[in-house]
PDB file of N, CA and C in Angstrom:
ATOM      1  N   UNK A   1       6.584 -67.889 -24.118  1.00  0.00           N
ATOM      2  CA  UNK A   1       7.565 -67.589 -24.892  1.00  0.00           C
ATOM      3  C   UNK A   1       8.264 -68.692 -24.915  1.00  0.00           C
ATOM      4  N   UNK A   2       9.290 -68.885 -25.947  1.00  0.00           N
ATOM      5  CA  UNK A   2      10.625 -69.475 -26.164  1.00  0.00           C
ATOM      6  C   UNK A   2      11.766 -69.461 -25.278  1.00  0.00           C
ATOM      7  N   UNK A   3      11.767 -68.140 -24.617  1.00  0.00           N
ATOM      8  CA  UNK A   3      13.277 -67.959 -23.728  1.00  0.00           C
ATOM      9  C   UNK A   3      13.209 -66.867 -23.681  1.00  0.00           C
ATOM     10  N   UNK A   4      13.478 -66.454 -22.003  1.00  0.00           N
ATOM     11  CA  UNK A   4      13.780 -65.691 -21.157  1.00  0.00           C
ATOM     12  C   UNK A   4      14.411 -63.858 -21.448  1.00  0.00           C
ATOM     13  N   UNK A   5      15.063 -64.198 -22.981  1.00  0.00           N
ATOM     14  CA  UNK A   5      14.958 -62.903 -23.511  1.00  0.00           C
ATOM     15  C   UNK A   5      13.773 -62.278 -23.567  1.00  0.00           C
ATOM     16  N   UNK A   6      13.315 -63.162 -24.453  1.00  0.00           N
ATOM     17  CA  UNK A   6      12.199 -62.763 -25.593  1.00  0.00           C
ATOM     18  C   UNK A   6      11.475 -62.271 -24.543  1.00  0.00           C
ATOM     19  N   UNK A   7      10.404 -63.230 -23.221  1.00  0.00           N
ATOM     20  CA  UNK A   7       9.819 -62.536 -22.909  1.00  0.00           C
ATOM     21  C   UNK A   7      10.165 -61.038 -22.162  1.00  0.00           C
ATOM     22  N   UNK A   8      11.561 -60.888 -21.263  1.00  0.00           N
ATOM     23  CA  UNK A   8      12.201 -59.531 -20.798  1.00  0.00           C
ATOM     24  C   UNK A   8      11.610 -58.327 -21.951  1.00  0.00           C
ATOM     25  N   UNK A   9      12.073 -59.128 -22.919  1.00  0.00           N
ATOM     26  CA  UNK A   9      11.709 -57.785 -24.248  1.00  0.00           C
ATOM     27  C   UNK A   9      10.449 -57.134 -24.390  1.00  0.00           C
ATOM     28  N   UNK A  10       9.914 -58.042 -24.446  1.00  0.00           N
ATOM     29  CA  UNK A  10       8.142 -58.650 -24.763  1.00  0.00           C
ATOM     30  C   UNK A  10       8.202 -56.864 -23.296  1.00  0.00           C
ATOM     31  N   UNK A  11       8.155 -57.996 -22.088  1.00  0.00           N
ATOM     32  CA  UNK A  11       7.653 -57.072 -20.552  1.00  0.00           C
ATOM     33  C   UNK A  11       7.926 -55.969 -20.981  1.00  0.00           C
ATOM     34  N   UNK A  12       9.199 -55.510 -20.979  1.00  0.00           N
ATOM     35  CA  UNK A  12       9.644 -53.423 -21.268  1.00  0.00           C
ATOM     36  C   UNK A  12       8.772 -53.078 -22.221  1.00  0.00           C
ATOM     37  N   UNK A  13       9.380 -53.650 -23.324  1.00  0.00           N
ATOM     38  CA  UNK A  13       8.715 -52.462 -24.788  1.00  0.00           C
ATOM     39  C   UNK A  13       6.942 -52.762 -25.100  1.00  0.00           C
ATOM     40  N   UNK A  14       6.164 -53.952 -24.569  1.00  0.00           N
ATOM     41  CA  UNK A  14       4.998 -54.075 -25.230  1.00  0.00           C
ATOM     42  C   UNK A  14       4.344 -53.933 -24.256  1.00  0.00           C
ATOM     43  N   UNK A  15       4.742 -54.738 -22.732  1.00  0.00           N
ATOM     44  CA  UNK A  15       3.585 -54.345 -21.784  1.00  0.00           C
ATOM     45  C   UNK A  15       3.560 -53.356 -21.179  1.00  0.00           C
ATOM     46  N   UNK A  16       2.299 -53.212 -21.294  1.00  0.00           N
ATOM     47  CA  UNK A  16       1.964 -51.461 -19.563  1.00  0.00           C
ATOM     48  C   UNK A  16       1.275 -51.777 -18.376  1.00  0.00           C
ATOM     49  N   UNK A  17       1.293 -51.196 -17.395  1.00  0.00           N
ATOM     50  CA  UNK A  17       1.153 -51.826 -16.073  1.00  0.00           C
ATOM     51  C   UNK A  17      -0.197 -51.877 -16.095  1.00  0.00           C
ATOM     52  N   UNK A  18      -0.477 -53.075 -15.002  1.00  0.00           N
ATOM     53  CA  UNK A  18      -2.353 -53.014 -15.139  1.00  0.00           C
ATOM     54  C   UNK A  18      -2.342 -52.014 -13.968  1.00  0.00           C
ATOM     55  N   UNK A  19      -3.534 -52.105 -14.011  1.00  0.00           N
ATOM     56  CA  UNK A  19      -4.517 -50.841 -12.913  1.00  0.00           C
ATOM     57  C   UNK A  19      -3.822 -51.514 -11.645  1.00  0.00           C
ATOM     58  N   UNK A  20      -3.604 -52.783 -11.194  1.00  0.00           N
ATOM     59  CA  UNK A  20      -3.257 -53.204  -9.940  1.00  0.00           C
ATOM     60  C   UNK A  20      -1.727 -52.620  -9.920  1.00  0.00           C
ATOM     61  N   UNK A  21      -0.608 -52.894 -10.367  1.00  0.00           N
ATOM     62  CA  UNK A  21       0.214 -51.836 -10.378  1.00  0.00           C
ATOM     63  C   UNK A  21       0.717 -50.761 -10.551  1.00  0.00           C
ATOM     64  N   UNK A  22      -0.362 -49.548 -11.020  1.00  0.00           N
ATOM     65  CA  UNK A  22      -0.544 -48.448 -10.616  1.00  0.00           C
ATOM     66  C   UNK A  22      -0.672 -48.152  -9.593  1.00  0.00           C
ATOM     67  N   UNK A  23      -2.482 -49.198  -8.944  1.00  0.00           N
ATOM     68  CA  UNK A  23      -2.101 -49.362  -6.982  1.00  0.00           C
ATOM     69  C   UNK A  23      -4.268 -48.436  -7.498  1.00  0.00           C
ATOM     70  N   UNK A  24      -4.622 -48.301  -9.043  1.00  0.00           N
ATOM     71  CA  UNK A  24      -5.997 -47.923  -9.229  1.00  0.00           C
ATOM     72  C   UNK A  24      -6.700 -48.612  -8.347  1.00  0.00           C
ATOM     73  N   UNK A  25      -7.651 -47.832  -7.721  1.00  0.00           N
ATOM     74  CA  UNK A  25      -8.574 -48.769  -6.999  1.00  0.00           C
ATOM     75  C   UNK A  25     -10.205 -48.282  -6.874  1.00  0.00           C
ATOM     76  N   UNK A  26     -10.283 -47.546  -7.738  1.00  0.00           N
ATOM     77  CA  UNK A  26     -11.518 -47.096  -8.172  1.00  0.00           C
ATOM     78  C   UNK A  26     -11.966 -45.669  -9.495  1.00  0.00           C
ATOM     79  N   UNK A  27     -12.683 -46.395 -10.045  1.00  0.00           N
ATOM     80  CA  UNK A  27     -13.046 -44.704 -11.326  1.00  0.00           C
ATOM     81  C   UNK A  27     -13.925 -44.172 -10.601  1.00  0.00           C
ATOM     82  N   UNK A  28     -13.492 -42.376 -10.272  1.00  0.00           N
ATOM     83  CA  UNK A  28     -14.202 -41.864  -9.001  1.00  0.00           C
ATOM     84  C   UNK A  28     -15.331 -41.149 -10.086  1.00  0.00           C
ATOM     85  N   UNK A  29     -15.069 -40.639 -11.331  1.00  0.00           N
ATOM     86  CA  UNK A  29     -15.745 -40.258 -12.471  1.00  0.00           C
ATOM     87  C   UNK A  29     -15.397 -40.818 -14.152  1.00  0.00           C
ATOM     88  N   UNK A  30     -17.070 -40.388 -14.453  1.00  0.00           N
ATOM     89  CA  UNK A  30     -16.888 -41.023 -16.337  1.00  0.00           C
ATOM     90  C   UNK A  30     -17.087 -39.887 -16.451  1.00  0.00           C
ATOM     91  N   UNK A  31     -16.477 -39.233 -17.846  1.00  0.00           N
ATOM     92  CA  UNK A  31     -17.448 -38.416 -18.232  1.00  0.00           C
ATOM     93  C   UNK A  31     -17.281 -38.124 -19.332  1.00  0.00           C
ATOM     94  N   UNK A  32     -18.839 -38.626 -19.848  1.00  0.00           N
ATOM     95  CA  UNK A  32     -18.842 -38.699 -21.873  1.00  0.00           C
ATOM     96  C   UNK A  32     -19.445 -37.498 -22.392  1.00  0.00           C
ATOM     97  N   UNK A  33     -19.122 -36.822 -22.645  1.00  0.00           N
ATOM     98  CA  UNK A  33     -18.868 -35.477 -24.055  1.00  0.00           C
ATOM     99  C   UNK A  33     -19.376 -35.675 -25.367  1.00  0.00           C
ATOM    100  N   UNK A  34     -20.532 -34.852 -25.637  1.00  0.00           N
ATOM    101  CA  UNK A  34     -20.804 -35.044 -27.096  1.00  0.00           C
ATOM    102  C   UNK A  34     -21.848 -33.611 -27.498  1.00  0.00           C
ATOM    103  N   UNK A  35     -21.993 -33.901 -28.738  1.00  0.00           N
ATOM    104  CA  UNK A  35     -23.250 -32.731 -29.251  1.00  0.00           C
ATOM    105  C   UNK A  35     -24.496 -33.806 -28.905  1.00  0.00           C
ATOM    106  N   UNK A  36     -25.193 -34.404 -28.120  1.00  0.00           N
ATOM    107  CA  UNK A  36     -26.594 -35.566 -28.103  1.00  0.00           C
ATOM    108  C   UNK A  36     -27.429 -34.924 -28.378  1.00  0.00           C
ATOM    109  N   UNK A  37     -28.159 -35.422 -29.238  1.00  0.00           N
ATOM    110  CA  UNK A  37     -29.428 -35.212 -30.161  1.00  0.00           C
ATOM    111  C   UNK A  37     -30.100 -35.559 -29.565  1.00  0.00           C
ATOM    112  N   UNK A  38     -31.899 -35.296 -29.394  1.00  0.00           N
ATOM    113  CA  UNK A  38     -32.297 -34.728 -28.322  1.00  0.00           C
ATOM    114  C   UNK A  38     -33.158 -36.833 -28.276  1.00  0.00           C
ATOM    115  N   UNK A  39     -32.533 -37.069 -29.467  1.00  0.00           N
ATOM    116  CA  UNK A  39     -33.189 -39.389 -29.021  1.00  0.00           C
ATOM    117  C   UNK A  39     -31.879 -39.782 -28.552  1.00  0.00           C
ATOM    118  N   UNK A  40     -31.120 -39.585 -28.425  1.00  0.00           N
ATOM    119  CA  UNK A  40     -29.723 -39.725 -28.115  1.00  0.00           C
ATOM    120  C   UNK A  40     -29.985 -39.243 -26.654  1.00  0.00           C
ATOM    121  N   UNK A  41     -30.241 -37.970 -25.578  1.00  0.00           N
ATOM    122  CA  UNK A  41     -31.163 -38.025 -24.707  1.00  0.00           C
ATOM    123  C   UNK A  41     -32.168 -38.753 -23.887  1.00  0.00           C
ATOM    124  N   UNK A  42     -32.469 -38.952 -25.190  1.00  0.00           N
ATOM    125  CA  UNK A  42     -33.625 -39.732 -24.066  1.00  0.00           C
ATOM    126  C   UNK A  42     -33.815 -41.220 -23.906  1.00  0.00           C
ATOM    127  N   UNK A  43     -32.733 -41.513 -24.860  1.00  0.00           N
ATOM    128  CA  UNK A  43     -31.875 -43.043 -24.502  1.00  0.00           C
ATOM    129  C   UNK A  43     -31.272 -43.227 -23.222  1.00  0.00           C
ATOM    130  N   UNK A  44     -30.658 -42.678 -23.357  1.00  0.00           N
ATOM    131  CA  UNK A  44     -30.018 -42.200 -22.179  1.00  0.00           C
ATOM    132  C   UNK A  44     -31.311 -41.785 -20.743  1.00  0.00           C
ATOM    133  N   UNK A  45     -31.811 -41.452 -21.080  1.00  0.00           N
ATOM    134  CA  UNK A  45     -33.105 -41.472 -19.917  1.00  0.00           C
ATOM    135  C   UNK A  45     -33.498 -42.814 -19.680  1.00  0.00           C
ATOM    136  N   UNK A  46     -33.538 -43.374 -20.350  1.00  0.00           N
ATOM    137  CA  UNK A  46     -34.898 -45.159 -20.858  1.00  0.00           C
ATOM    138  C   UNK A  46     -33.688 -45.504 -20.269  1.00  0.00           C
ATOM    139  N   UNK A  47     -32.215 -45.908 -20.208  1.00  0.00           N
ATOM    140  CA  UNK A  47     -31.259 -46.572 -19.868  1.00  0.00           C
ATOM    141  C   UNK A  47     -30.800 -46.345 -18.764  1.00  0.00           C
ATOM    142  N   UNK A  48     -30.951 -45.067 -18.336  1.00  0.00           N
ATOM    143  CA  UNK A  48     -30.637 -44.597 -16.701  1.00  0.00           C
ATOM    144  C   UNK A  48     -31.570 -44.453 -16.558  1.00  0.00           C
ATOM    145  N   UNK A  49     -32.614 -44.797 -15.722  1.00  0.00           N
ATOM    146  CA  UNK A  49     -33.711 -44.263 -14.998  1.00  0.00           C
ATOM    147  C   UNK A  49     -33.913 -43.371 -13.984  1.00  0.00           C
ATOM    148  N   UNK A  50     -32.374 -43.819 -13.116  1.00  0.00           N
ATOM    149  CA  UNK A  50     -32.536 -42.309 -12.113  1.00  0.00           C
ATOM    150  C   UNK A  50     -31.427 -41.565 -12.167  1.00  0.00           C
ATOM    151  N   UNK A  51     -30.943 -41.393 -13.312  1.00  0.00           N
ATOM    152  CA  UNK A  51     -30.345 -40.140 -13.636  1.00  0.00           C
ATOM    153  C   UNK A  51     -30.967 -39.038 -13.454  1.00  0.00           C
ATOM    154  N   UNK A  52     -30.050 -38.084 -12.831  1.00  0.00           N
ATOM    155  CA  UNK A  52     -30.569 -36.056 -12.428  1.00  0.00           C
ATOM    156  C   UNK A  52     -29.850 -35.542 -13.436  1.00  0.00           C
ATOM    157  N   UNK A  53     -30.351 -34.707 -13.815  1.00  0.00           N
ATOM    158  CA  UNK A  53     -29.902 -33.202 -14.693  1.00  0.00           C
ATOM    159  C   UNK A  53     -30.790 -33.233 -15.979  1.00  0.00           C
ATOM    160  N   UNK A  54     -30.432 -32.245 -16.479  1.00  0.00           N
ATOM    161  CA  UNK A  54     -30.893 -31.079 -17.863  1.00  0.00           C
ATOM    162  C   UNK A  54     -30.286 -31.916 -18.854  1.00  0.00           C
ATOM    163  N   UNK A  55     -30.541 -31.223 -20.185  1.00  0.00           N
ATOM    164  CA  UNK A  55     -29.957 -31.627 -21.577  1.00  0.00           C
ATOM    165  C   UNK A  55     -28.577 -30.535 -21.959  1.00  0.00           C
ATOM    166  N   UNK A  56     -28.247 -30.528 -20.475  1.00  0.00           N
ATOM    167  CA  UNK A  56     -26.853 -29.456 -20.985  1.00  0.00           C
ATOM    168  C   UNK A  56     -25.422 -30.713 -19.996  1.00  0.00           C
ATOM    169  N   UNK A  57     -26.341 -31.099 -18.747  1.00  0.00           N
ATOM    170  CA  UNK A  57     -25.285 -32.311 -17.916  1.00  0.00           C
ATOM    171  C   UNK A  57     -26.595 -33.369 -17.058  1.00  0.00           C
ATOM    172  N   UNK A  58     -26.878 -34.531 -17.279  1.00  0.00           N
ATOM    173  CA  UNK A  58     -26.940 -35.521 -16.788  1.00  0.00           C
ATOM    174  C   UNK A  58     -25.949 -36.058 -16.078  1.00  0.00           C
ATOM    175  N   UNK A  59     -26.563 -36.336 -14.652  1.00  0.00           N
ATOM    176  CA  UNK A  59     -25.437 -37.606 -13.929  1.00  0.00           C
ATOM    177  C   UNK A  59     -26.810 -38.244 -12.790  1.00  0.00           C
ATOM    178  N   UNK A  60     -25.483 -39.256 -12.994  1.00  0.00           N
ATOM    179  CA  UNK A  60     -25.669 -40.795 -12.383  1.00  0.00           C
ATOM    180  C   UNK A  60     -25.104 -41.296 -11.317  1.00  0.00           C
ATOM    181  N   UNK A  61     -25.792 -41.303 -10.279  1.00  0.00           N
ATOM    182  CA  UNK A  61     -24.726 -41.305  -8.976  1.00  0.00           C
ATOM    183  C   UNK A  61     -24.880 -43.227  -8.715  1.00  0.00           C
ATOM    184  N   UNK A  62     -23.076 -43.369  -9.182  1.00  0.00           N
ATOM    185  CA  UNK A  62     -23.392 -45.487  -8.941  1.00  0.00           C
ATOM    186  C   UNK A  62     -22.416 -45.514  -7.569  1.00  0.00           C
ATOM    187  N   UNK A  63     -22.695 -44.201  -6.303  1.00  0.00           N
ATOM    188  CA  UNK A  63     -22.167 -45.189  -5.429  1.00  0.00           C
ATOM    189  C   UNK A  63     -21.129 -44.307  -5.477  1.00  0.00           C
ATOM    190  N   UNK A  64     -19.944 -45.022  -5.481  1.00  0.00           N
ATOM    191  CA  UNK A  64     -18.544 -44.356  -5.654  1.00  0.00           C
ATOM    192  C   UNK A  64     -17.917 -43.898  -7.303  1.00  0.00           C
ATOM    193  N   UNK A  65     -19.009 -43.776  -7.894  1.00  0.00           N
ATOM    194  CA  UNK A  65     -18.718 -43.403  -8.814  1.00  0.00           C
ATOM    195  C   UNK A  65     -19.692 -42.559  -9.802  1.00  0.00           C
ATOM    196  N   UNK A  66     -19.540 -41.737 -10.193  1.00  0.00           N
ATOM    197  CA  UNK A  66     -20.704 -41.097 -10.865  1.00  0.00           C
ATOM    198  C   UNK A  66     -20.321 -40.810 -12.606  1.00  0.00           C
ATOM    199  N   UNK A  67     -21.108 -41.503 -12.734  1.00  0.00           N
ATOM    200  CA  UNK A  67     -21.610 -41.067 -14.546  1.00  0.00           C
ATOM    201  C   UNK A  67     -22.027 -39.905 -15.522  1.00  0.00           C
ATOM    202  N   UNK A  68     -21.130 -39.224 -15.721  1.00  0.00           N
ATOM    203  CA  UNK A  68     -21.772 -37.451 -16.600  1.00  0.00           C
ATOM    204  C   UNK A  68     -21.662 -37.915 -17.694  1.00  0.00           C
ATOM    205  N   UNK A  69     -23.114 -37.266 -17.822  1.00  0.00           N
ATOM    206  CA  UNK A  69     -22.983 -36.588 -19.737  1.00  0.00           C
ATOM    207  C   UNK A  69     -23.160 -35.202 -19.761  1.00  0.00           C
ATOM    208  N   UNK A  70     -22.400 -35.046 -21.037  1.00  0.00           N
ATOM    209  CA  UNK A  70     -22.392 -32.959 -21.009  1.00  0.00           C
ATOM    210  C   UNK A  70     -22.661 -33.259 -22.690  1.00  0.00           C
ATOM    211  N   UNK A  71     -23.431 -32.205 -22.496  1.00  0.00           N
ATOM    212  CA  UNK A  71     -23.675 -31.900 -23.556  1.00  0.00           C
ATOM    213  C   UNK A  71     -22.387 -30.991 -24.521  1.00  0.00           C
ATOM    214  N   UNK A  72     -21.924 -31.069 -25.633  1.00  0.00           N
ATOM    215  CA  UNK A  72     -20.900 -30.477 -25.407  1.00  0.00           C
ATOM    216  C   UNK A  72     -20.112 -30.199 -26.862  1.00  0.00           C
ATOM    217  N   UNK A  73     -21.008 -29.291 -27.746  1.00  0.00           N
ATOM    218  CA  UNK A  73     -21.058 -29.362 -29.180  1.00  0.00           C
ATOM    219  C   UNK A  73     -19.517 -28.843 -30.293  1.00  0.00           C
ATOM    220  N   UNK A  74     -19.179 -29.180 -29.151  1.00  0.00           N
ATOM    221  CA  UNK A  74     -17.323 -28.876 -30.159  1.00  0.00           C
ATOM    222  C   UNK A  74     -16.855 -29.961 -29.946  1.00  0.00           C
ATOM    223  N   UNK A  75     -17.329 -31.363 -29.584  1.00  0.00           N
ATOM    224  CA  UNK A  75     -16.597 -32.823 -30.165  1.00  0.00           C
ATOM    225  C   UNK A  75     -17.521 -33.504 -30.113  1.00  0.00           C
ATOM    226  N   UNK A  76     -17.235 -34.531 -31.228  1.00  0.00           N
ATOM    227  CA  UNK A  76     -18.026 -35.882 -31.812  1.00  0.00           C
ATOM    228  C   UNK A  76     -18.407 -36.520 -30.443  1.00  0.00           C
ATOM    229  N   UNK A  77     -17.640 -36.862 -29.752  1.00  0.00           N
ATOM    230  CA  UNK A  77     -17.270 -38.075 -28.615  1.00  0.00           C
ATOM    231  C   UNK A  77     -15.462 -37.926 -27.866  1.00  0.00           C
ATOM    232  N   UNK A  78     -16.060 -37.343 -27.082  1.00  0.00           N
ATOM    233  CA  UNK A  78     -14.811 -37.511 -25.975  1.00  0.00           C
ATOM    234  C   UNK A  78     -14.926 -38.170 -24.178  1.00  0.00           C
ATOM    235  N   UNK A  79     -14.272 -39.187 -23.892  1.00  0.00           N
ATOM    236  CA  UNK A  79     -14.488 -39.899 -22.726  1.00  0.00           C
ATOM    237  C   UNK A  79     -13.806 -39.714 -21.977  1.00  0.00           C
ATOM    238  N   UNK A  80     -13.429 -39.453 -20.864  1.00  0.00           N
ATOM    239  CA  UNK A  80     -12.814 -38.502 -19.912  1.00  0.00           C
ATOM    240  C   UNK A  80     -13.031 -39.751 -18.333  1.00  0.00           C
ATOM    241  N   UNK A  81     -11.965 -40.512 -17.951  1.00  0.00           N
ATOM    242  CA  UNK A  81     -11.788 -41.322 -16.708  1.00  0.00           C
ATOM    243  C   UNK A  81     -11.229 -40.642 -15.595  1.00  0.00           C
ATOM    244  N   UNK A  82     -11.781 -40.420 -14.138  1.00  0.00           N
ATOM    245  CA  UNK A  82     -10.778 -39.939 -13.417  1.00  0.00           C
ATOM    246  C   UNK A  82     -10.581 -41.210 -12.642  1.00  0.00           C
ATOM    247  N   UNK A  83      -9.522 -41.637 -12.339  1.00  0.00           N
ATOM    248  CA  UNK A  83      -9.326 -42.895 -11.549  1.00  0.00           C
ATOM    249  C   UNK A  83      -8.568 -42.602 -10.170  1.00  0.00           C
ATOM    250  N   UNK A  84      -8.715 -43.056  -9.100  1.00  0.00           N
ATOM    251  CA  UNK A  84      -8.160 -43.288  -8.096  1.00  0.00           C
ATOM    252  C   UNK A  84      -7.189 -43.681  -7.742  1.00  0.00           C
ATOM    253  N   UNK A  85      -6.118 -43.813  -7.257  1.00  0.00           N
ATOM    254  CA  UNK A  85      -4.897 -44.536  -6.681  1.00  0.00           C
ATOM    255  C   UNK A  85      -4.582 -44.128  -5.509  1.00  0.00           C
ATOM    256  N   UNK A  86      -3.855 -45.717  -5.148  1.00  0.00           N
ATOM    257  CA  UNK A  86      -3.327 -45.484  -3.519  1.00  0.00           C
ATOM    258  C   UNK A  86      -1.282 -45.446  -3.893  1.00  0.00           C
ATOM    259  N   UNK A  87      -1.352 -45.595  -5.117  1.00  0.00           N
ATOM    260  CA  UNK A  87       0.399 -45.784  -5.228  1.00  0.00           C
ATOM    261  C   UNK A  87       0.524 -43.909  -5.357  1.00  0.00           C
ATOM    262  N   UNK A  88       1.095 -43.821  -4.785  1.00  0.00           N
ATOM    263  CA  UNK A  88       2.037 -41.997  -4.836  1.00  0.00           C
ATOM    264  C   UNK A  88       2.672 -41.689  -6.485  1.00  0.00           C
ATOM    265  N   UNK A  89       2.907 -42.720  -6.762  1.00  0.00           N
ATOM    266  CA  UNK A  89       4.230 -42.914  -7.969  1.00  0.00           C
ATOM    267  C   UNK A  89       3.321 -42.725  -9.014  1.00  0.00           C
ATOM    268  N   UNK A  90       2.501 -43.071  -9.005  1.00  0.00           N
ATOM    269  CA  UNK A  90       0.952 -42.326 -10.264  1.00  0.00           C
ATOM    270  C   UNK A  90       0.260 -41.181 -10.644  1.00  0.00           C
ATOM    271  N   UNK A  91       0.397 -40.473  -8.496  1.00  0.00           N
ATOM    272  CA  UNK A  91      -0.518 -39.273  -8.550  1.00  0.00           C
ATOM    273  C   UNK A  91      -0.684 -38.739 -10.262  1.00  0.00           C
ATOM    274  N   UNK A  92      -1.529 -37.825 -10.075  1.00  0.00           N
ATOM    275  CA  UNK A  92      -1.369 -36.693 -10.937  1.00  0.00           C
ATOM    276  C   UNK A  92      -1.145 -37.125 -12.193  1.00  0.00           C
ATOM    277  N   UNK A  93      -0.982 -38.228 -12.911  1.00  0.00           N
ATOM    278  CA  UNK A  93      -0.952 -38.604 -14.364  1.00  0.00           C
ATOM    279  C   UNK A  93      -1.962 -38.075 -15.065  1.00  0.00           C
ATOM    280  N   UNK A  94      -1.852 -37.863 -16.861  1.00  0.00           N
ATOM    281  CA  UNK A  94      -2.595 -38.329 -17.566  1.00  0.00           C
ATOM    282  C   UNK A  94      -1.988 -38.671 -18.944  1.00  0.00           C
ATOM    283  N   UNK A  95      -2.735 -39.017 -19.201  1.00  0.00           N
ATOM    284  CA  UNK A  95      -3.165 -39.964 -20.717  1.00  0.00           C
ATOM    285  C   UNK A  95      -3.899 -39.888 -21.309  1.00  0.00           C
ATOM    286  N   UNK A  96      -3.667 -39.527 -22.534  1.00  0.00           N
ATOM    287  CA  UNK A  96      -4.566 -39.758 -23.792  1.00  0.00           C
ATOM    288  C   UNK A  96      -4.614 -40.238 -24.638  1.00  0.00           C
ATOM    289  N   UNK A  97      -5.651 -41.081 -25.271  1.00  0.00           N
ATOM    290  CA  UNK A  97      -5.338 -41.378 -26.772  1.00  0.00           C
ATOM    291  C   UNK A  97      -6.770 -41.436 -27.405  1.00  0.00           C
ATOM    292  N   UNK A  98      -6.112 -40.598 -28.637  1.00  0.00           N
ATOM    293  CA  UNK A  98      -7.498 -40.312 -29.443  1.00  0.00           C
ATOM    294  C   UNK A  98      -8.609 -39.477 -28.932  1.00  0.00           C
ATOM    295  N   UNK A  99      -9.731 -40.442 -28.258  1.00  0.00           N
ATOM    296  CA  UNK A  99     -10.570 -39.097 -27.697  1.00  0.00           C
ATOM    297  C   UNK A  99     -11.464 -40.165 -26.451  1.00  0.00           C
ATOM    298  N   UNK A 100     -10.221 -40.310 -26.034  1.00  0.00           N
ATOM    299  CA  UNK A 100     -10.340 -41.473 -24.595  1.00  0.00           C
ATOM    300  C   UNK A 100      -9.004 -40.633 -23.566  1.00  0.00           C
ATOM    301  N   UNK A 101      -9.112 -39.695 -22.193  1.00  0.00           N
ATOM    302  CA  UNK A 101      -8.709 -39.482 -21.360  1.00  0.00           C
ATOM    303  C   UNK A 101      -8.898 -39.684 -19.974  1.00  0.00           C
ATOM    304  N   UNK A 102      -7.487 -40.532 -19.649  1.00  0.00           N
ATOM    305  CA  UNK A 102      -7.405 -40.546 -18.347  1.00  0.00           C
ATOM    306  C   UNK A 102      -6.933 -40.431 -16.605  1.00  0.00           C
ATOM    307  N   UNK A 103      -7.665 -39.510 -16.269  1.00  0.00           N
ATOM    308  CA  UNK A 103      -7.008 -38.654 -15.200  1.00  0.00           C
ATOM    309  C   UNK A 103      -6.638 -39.683 -13.947  1.00  0.00           C
ATOM    310  N   UNK A 104      -5.648 -39.575 -13.253  1.00  0.00           N
ATOM    311  CA  UNK A 104      -5.157 -40.641 -12.152  1.00  0.00           C
ATOM    312  C   UNK A 104      -4.823 -39.485 -11.205  1.00  0.00           C
ATOM    313  N   UNK A 105      -5.203 -39.712  -9.403  1.00  0.00           N
ATOM    314  CA  UNK A 105      -5.034 -38.690  -9.126  1.00  0.00           C
ATOM    315  C   UNK A 105      -5.360 -39.495  -7.781  1.00  0.00           C
TER     316      UNK A 105
END
């Protein structure tokens, strides 16, 4: 930036808070919902060999994070991330952009 005024304008209107500013410490759950084909289910099983479940819901437990694949015939592809924050100002916030949803709690 060539001036403080331009920097402040950019910071206020274009820069978004970072995970550190919001206090996000982890992603507790990632949920992928889609009308998975049998070939896709097989591929998921090949990639994540420790995954458990059936052809309606499969879960991969990665310690503090759980990755879920859910059969959902009503959506092309939807991803939901459930993040944990230590900043009380940002608890219970939900943001949605196209097919991605972020839930901060």
